[in-house]
C-alpha atoms as a PDB file:
ATOM      1  CA  MET A   1     -82.723  57.553  33.806  1.00  0.00           C
ATOM      2  CA  ARG A   2     -80.836  54.747  32.087  1.00  0.00           C
ATOM      3  CA  VAL A   3     -77.098  55.502  32.354  1.00  0.00           C
ATOM      4  CA  LEU A   4     -74.097  53.735  30.877  1.00  0.00           C
ATOM      5  CA  LEU A   5     -70.946  54.380  32.908  1.00  0.00           C
ATOM      6  CA  VAL A   6     -67.779  53.692  30.906  1.00  0.00           C
ATOM      7  CA  GLU A   7     -65.176  53.659  33.660  1.00  0.00           C
ATOM      8  CA  ASN A   8     -62.275  51.299  34.335  1.00  0.00           C
ATOM      9  CA  HIS A   9     -61.570  52.251  37.968  1.00  0.00           C
ATOM     10  CA  ASP A  10     -63.627  49.883  40.129  1.00  0.00           C
ATOM     11  CA  VAL A  11     -63.552  51.916  43.341  1.00  0.00           C
ATOM     12  CA  PHE A  12     -64.514  55.189  41.652  1.00  0.00           C
ATOM     13  CA  ALA A  13     -67.323  53.469  39.738  1.00  0.00           C
ATOM     14  CA  GLN A  14     -68.719  51.867  42.881  1.00  0.00           C
ATOM     15  CA  ILE A  15     -68.591  55.083  44.919  1.00  0.00           C
ATOM     16  CA  VAL A  16     -70.223  57.310  42.306  1.00  0.00           C
ATOM     17  CA  THR A  17     -72.862  54.727  41.474  1.00  0.00           C
ATOM     18  CA  GLU A  18     -73.853  54.391  45.126  1.00  0.00           C
ATOM     19  CA  ARG A  19     -73.457  58.023  46.131  1.00  0.00           C
ATOM     20  CA  PHE A  20     -74.347  60.142  43.099  1.00  0.00           C
ATOM     21  CA  LEU A  21     -76.204  57.862  40.680  1.00  0.00           C
ATOM     22  CA  ALA A  22     -78.287  55.771  43.086  1.00  0.00           C
ATOM     23  CA  GLY A  23     -81.554  57.105  41.675  1.00  0.00           C
ATOM     24  CA  HIS A  24     -80.685  55.959  38.160  1.00  0.00           C
ATOM     25  CA  ASP A  25     -80.513  52.638  36.330  1.00  0.00           C
ATOM     26  CA  VAL A  26     -76.725  52.370  35.912  1.00  0.00           C
ATOM     27  CA  THR A  27     -74.843  49.816  33.856  1.00  0.00           C
ATOM     28  CA  ARG A  28     -71.067  49.928  34.058  1.00  0.00           C
ATOM     29  CA  VAL A  29     -68.485  48.687  31.585  1.00  0.00           C
ATOM     30  CA  ALA A  30     -64.721  49.132  31.764  1.00  0.00           C
ATOM     31  CA  THR A  31     -63.633  49.199  28.127  1.00  0.00           C
ATOM     32  CA  LEU A  32     -64.475  50.839  24.837  1.00  0.00           C
ATOM     33  CA  ARG A  33     -65.117  47.425  23.307  1.00  0.00           C
ATOM     34  CA  GLU A  34     -67.625  46.477  26.015  1.00  0.00           C
ATOM     35  CA  ALA A  35     -69.364  49.832  25.576  1.00  0.00           C
ATOM     36  CA  ARG A  36     -69.687  49.423  21.797  1.00  0.00           C
ATOM     37  CA  ASP A  37     -70.943  45.855  22.160  1.00  0.00           C
ATOM     38  CA  LEU A  38     -73.565  46.904  24.692  1.00  0.00           C
ATOM     39  CA  LEU A  39     -74.618  50.016  22.773  1.00  0.00           C
ATOM     40  CA  ALA A  40     -75.180  47.900  19.671  1.00  0.00           C
ATOM     41  CA  SER A  41     -78.064  46.146  21.431  1.00  0.00           C
ATOM     42  CA  ALA A  42     -79.235  48.507  24.191  1.00  0.00           C
ATOM     43  CA  ARG A  43     -80.287  52.144  24.472  1.00  0.00           C
ATOM     44  CA  PHE A  44     -79.226  54.541  27.215  1.00  0.00           C
ATOM     45  CA  ALA A  45     -80.373  58.081  27.934  1.00  0.00           C
ATOM     46  CA  VAL A  46     -76.823  59.160  28.674  1.00  0.00           C
ATOM     47  CA  VAL A  47     -73.317  57.714  28.531  1.00  0.00           C
ATOM     48  CA  LEU A  48     -70.731  58.865  31.085  1.00  0.00           C
ATOM     49  CA  VAL A  49     -67.309  58.386  29.480  1.00  0.00           C
ATOM     50  CA  ASP A  50     -63.884  58.403  31.112  1.00  0.00           C
ATOM     51  CA  TYR A  51     -60.967  59.375  28.906  1.00  0.00           C
ATOM     52  CA  ASP A  52     -58.281  56.893  29.959  1.00  0.00           C
ATOM     53  CA  LEU A  53     -59.718  53.437  29.359  1.00  0.00           C
ATOM     54  CA  ASP A  54     -57.710  50.218  29.260  1.00  0.00           C
ATOM     55  CA  ASP A  55     -58.220  49.561  25.562  1.00  0.00           C
ATOM     56  CA  ALA A  56     -58.586  53.062  24.072  1.00  0.00           C
ATOM     57  CA  LYS A  57     -59.283  56.711  24.783  1.00  0.00           C
ATOM     58  CA  GLY A  58     -62.853  57.725  25.579  1.00  0.00           C
ATOM     59  CA  ASP A  59     -62.990  60.343  22.845  1.00  0.00           C
ATOM     60  CA  GLU A  60     -63.120  57.431  20.370  1.00  0.00           C
ATOM     61  CA  LEU A  61     -66.392  56.324  21.945  1.00  0.00           C
ATOM     62  CA  VAL A  62     -67.816  59.851  21.865  1.00  0.00           C
ATOM     63  CA  ARG A  63     -67.097  60.080  18.122  1.00  0.00           C
ATOM     64  CA  TRP A  64     -68.503  56.573  17.569  1.00  0.00           C
ATOM     65  CA  LEU A  65     -71.717  57.528  19.384  1.00  0.00           C
ATOM     66  CA  ALA A  66     -72.070  60.671  17.273  1.00  0.00           C
ATOM     67  CA  ALA A  67     -71.930  58.505  14.148  1.00  0.00           C
ATOM     68  CA  HIS A  68     -73.999  55.516  15.339  1.00  0.00           C
ATOM     69  CA  ALA A  69     -76.356  56.861  18.027  1.00  0.00           C
ATOM     70  CA  PRO A  70     -76.548  60.636  17.610  1.00  0.00           C
ATOM     71  CA  ASP A  71     -79.516  60.956  20.002  1.00  0.00           C
ATOM     72  CA  THR A  72     -77.505  59.474  22.882  1.00  0.00           C
ATOM     73  CA  ARG A  73     -76.140  62.207  25.121  1.00  0.00           C
ATOM     74  CA  THR A  74     -72.619  61.961  26.491  1.00  0.00           C
ATOM     75  CA  ILE A  75     -70.838  63.428  29.503  1.00  0.00           C
ATOM     76  CA  GLY A  76     -67.049  63.328  29.730  1.00  0.00           C
ATOM     77  CA  ILE A  77     -65.834  62.402  33.224  1.00  0.00           C
ATOM     78  CA  SER A  78     -62.050  62.467  33.163  1.00  0.00           C
ATOM     79  CA  SER A  79     -59.972  63.555  36.144  1.00  0.00           C
ATOM     80  CA  ARG A  80     -57.498  65.208  33.778  1.00  0.00           C
ATOM     81  CA  PRO A  81     -58.175  68.572  32.095  1.00  0.00           C
ATOM     82  CA  ASP A  82     -56.636  67.383  28.821  1.00  0.00           C
ATOM     83  CA  GLY A  83     -58.845  64.284  28.889  1.00  0.00           C
ATOM     84  CA  ASN A  84     -61.975  66.382  29.386  1.00  0.00           C
ATOM     85  CA  ALA A  85     -60.837  68.761  26.633  1.00  0.00           C
ATOM     86  CA  ALA A  86     -60.444  65.817  24.252  1.00  0.00           C
ATOM     87  CA  LEU A  87     -63.879  64.439  25.194  1.00  0.00           C
ATOM     88  CA  HIS A  88     -65.442  67.855  24.666  1.00  0.00           C
ATOM     89  CA  ALA A  89     -63.666  68.323  21.321  1.00  0.00           C
ATOM     90  CA  ALA A  90     -64.949  64.898  20.228  1.00  0.00           C
ATOM     91  CA  GLY A  91     -68.524  66.086  20.831  1.00  0.00           C
ATOM     92  CA  ALA A  92     -69.465  65.291  24.437  1.00  0.00           C
ATOM     93  CA  ASN A  93     -72.623  67.189  25.420  1.00  0.00           C
ATOM     94  CA  ALA A  94     -71.154  68.130  28.801  1.00  0.00           C
ATOM     95  CA  ILE A  95     -68.112  67.650  31.017  1.00  0.00           C
ATOM     96  CA  CYS A  96     -68.037  66.719  34.691  1.00  0.00           C
ATOM     97  CA  ALA A  97     -64.509  66.305  35.999  1.00  0.00           C
ATOM     98  CA  LYS A  98     -64.223  63.488  38.515  1.00  0.00           C
ATOM     99  CA  GLN A  99     -63.300  65.923  41.288  1.00  0.00           C
ATOM    100  CA  ASP A 100     -66.582  67.795  40.574  1.00  0.00           C
ATOM    101  CA  PHE A 101     -68.785  64.694  40.456  1.00  0.00           C
ATOM    102  CA  ALA A 102     -71.078  66.034  43.172  1.00  0.00           C
ATOM    103  CA  ARG A 103     -72.678  68.121  40.391  1.00  0.00           C
ATOM    104  CA  ILE A 104     -73.438  65.150  38.123  1.00  0.00           C
ATOM    105  CA  ALA A 105     -77.105  65.130  39.180  1.00  0.00           C
ATOM    106  CA  GLU A 106     -77.412  68.741  38.047  1.00  0.00           C
ATOM    107  CA  LEU A 107     -75.912  67.901  34.645  1.00  0.00           C
ATOM    108  CA  LEU A 108     -78.161  64.878  34.209  1.00  0.00           C
ATOM    109  CA  ASP A 109     -81.200  67.033  35.009  1.00  0.00           C
ATOM    110  CA  GLU A 110     -80.083  69.647  32.457  1.00  0.00           C
ATOM    111  CA  LEU A 111     -79.623  67.019  29.741  1.00  0.00           C
ATOM    112  CA  ASP A 112     -82.989  65.449  30.578  1.00  0.00           C
ATOM    113  CA  GLN A 113     -84.911  68.651  29.800  1.00  0.00           C
END
């Protein structure tokens, strides 16, 4: 599955990509701007979105995707409950808190059906 990981923490991104997303084609960006630029020219099956990005909040990207790429599924991946609540309220298809990331494969399988 082609996955866009929008995550600004290098260590977390590296660990989850190697440990939990190794069977997927993962592209990682660290900012909302990079994500929008990439999504303007490339398609992904799913976008994993953190809430606290360096240049904006992830819920902005979830709303942008709903308007510009409504077929793209999104999963909110904040470590904070309020961040995940905001991502969900913005329209994320699912939530996977960072501390529960071991279940990301299950969520990806559910969204792929």
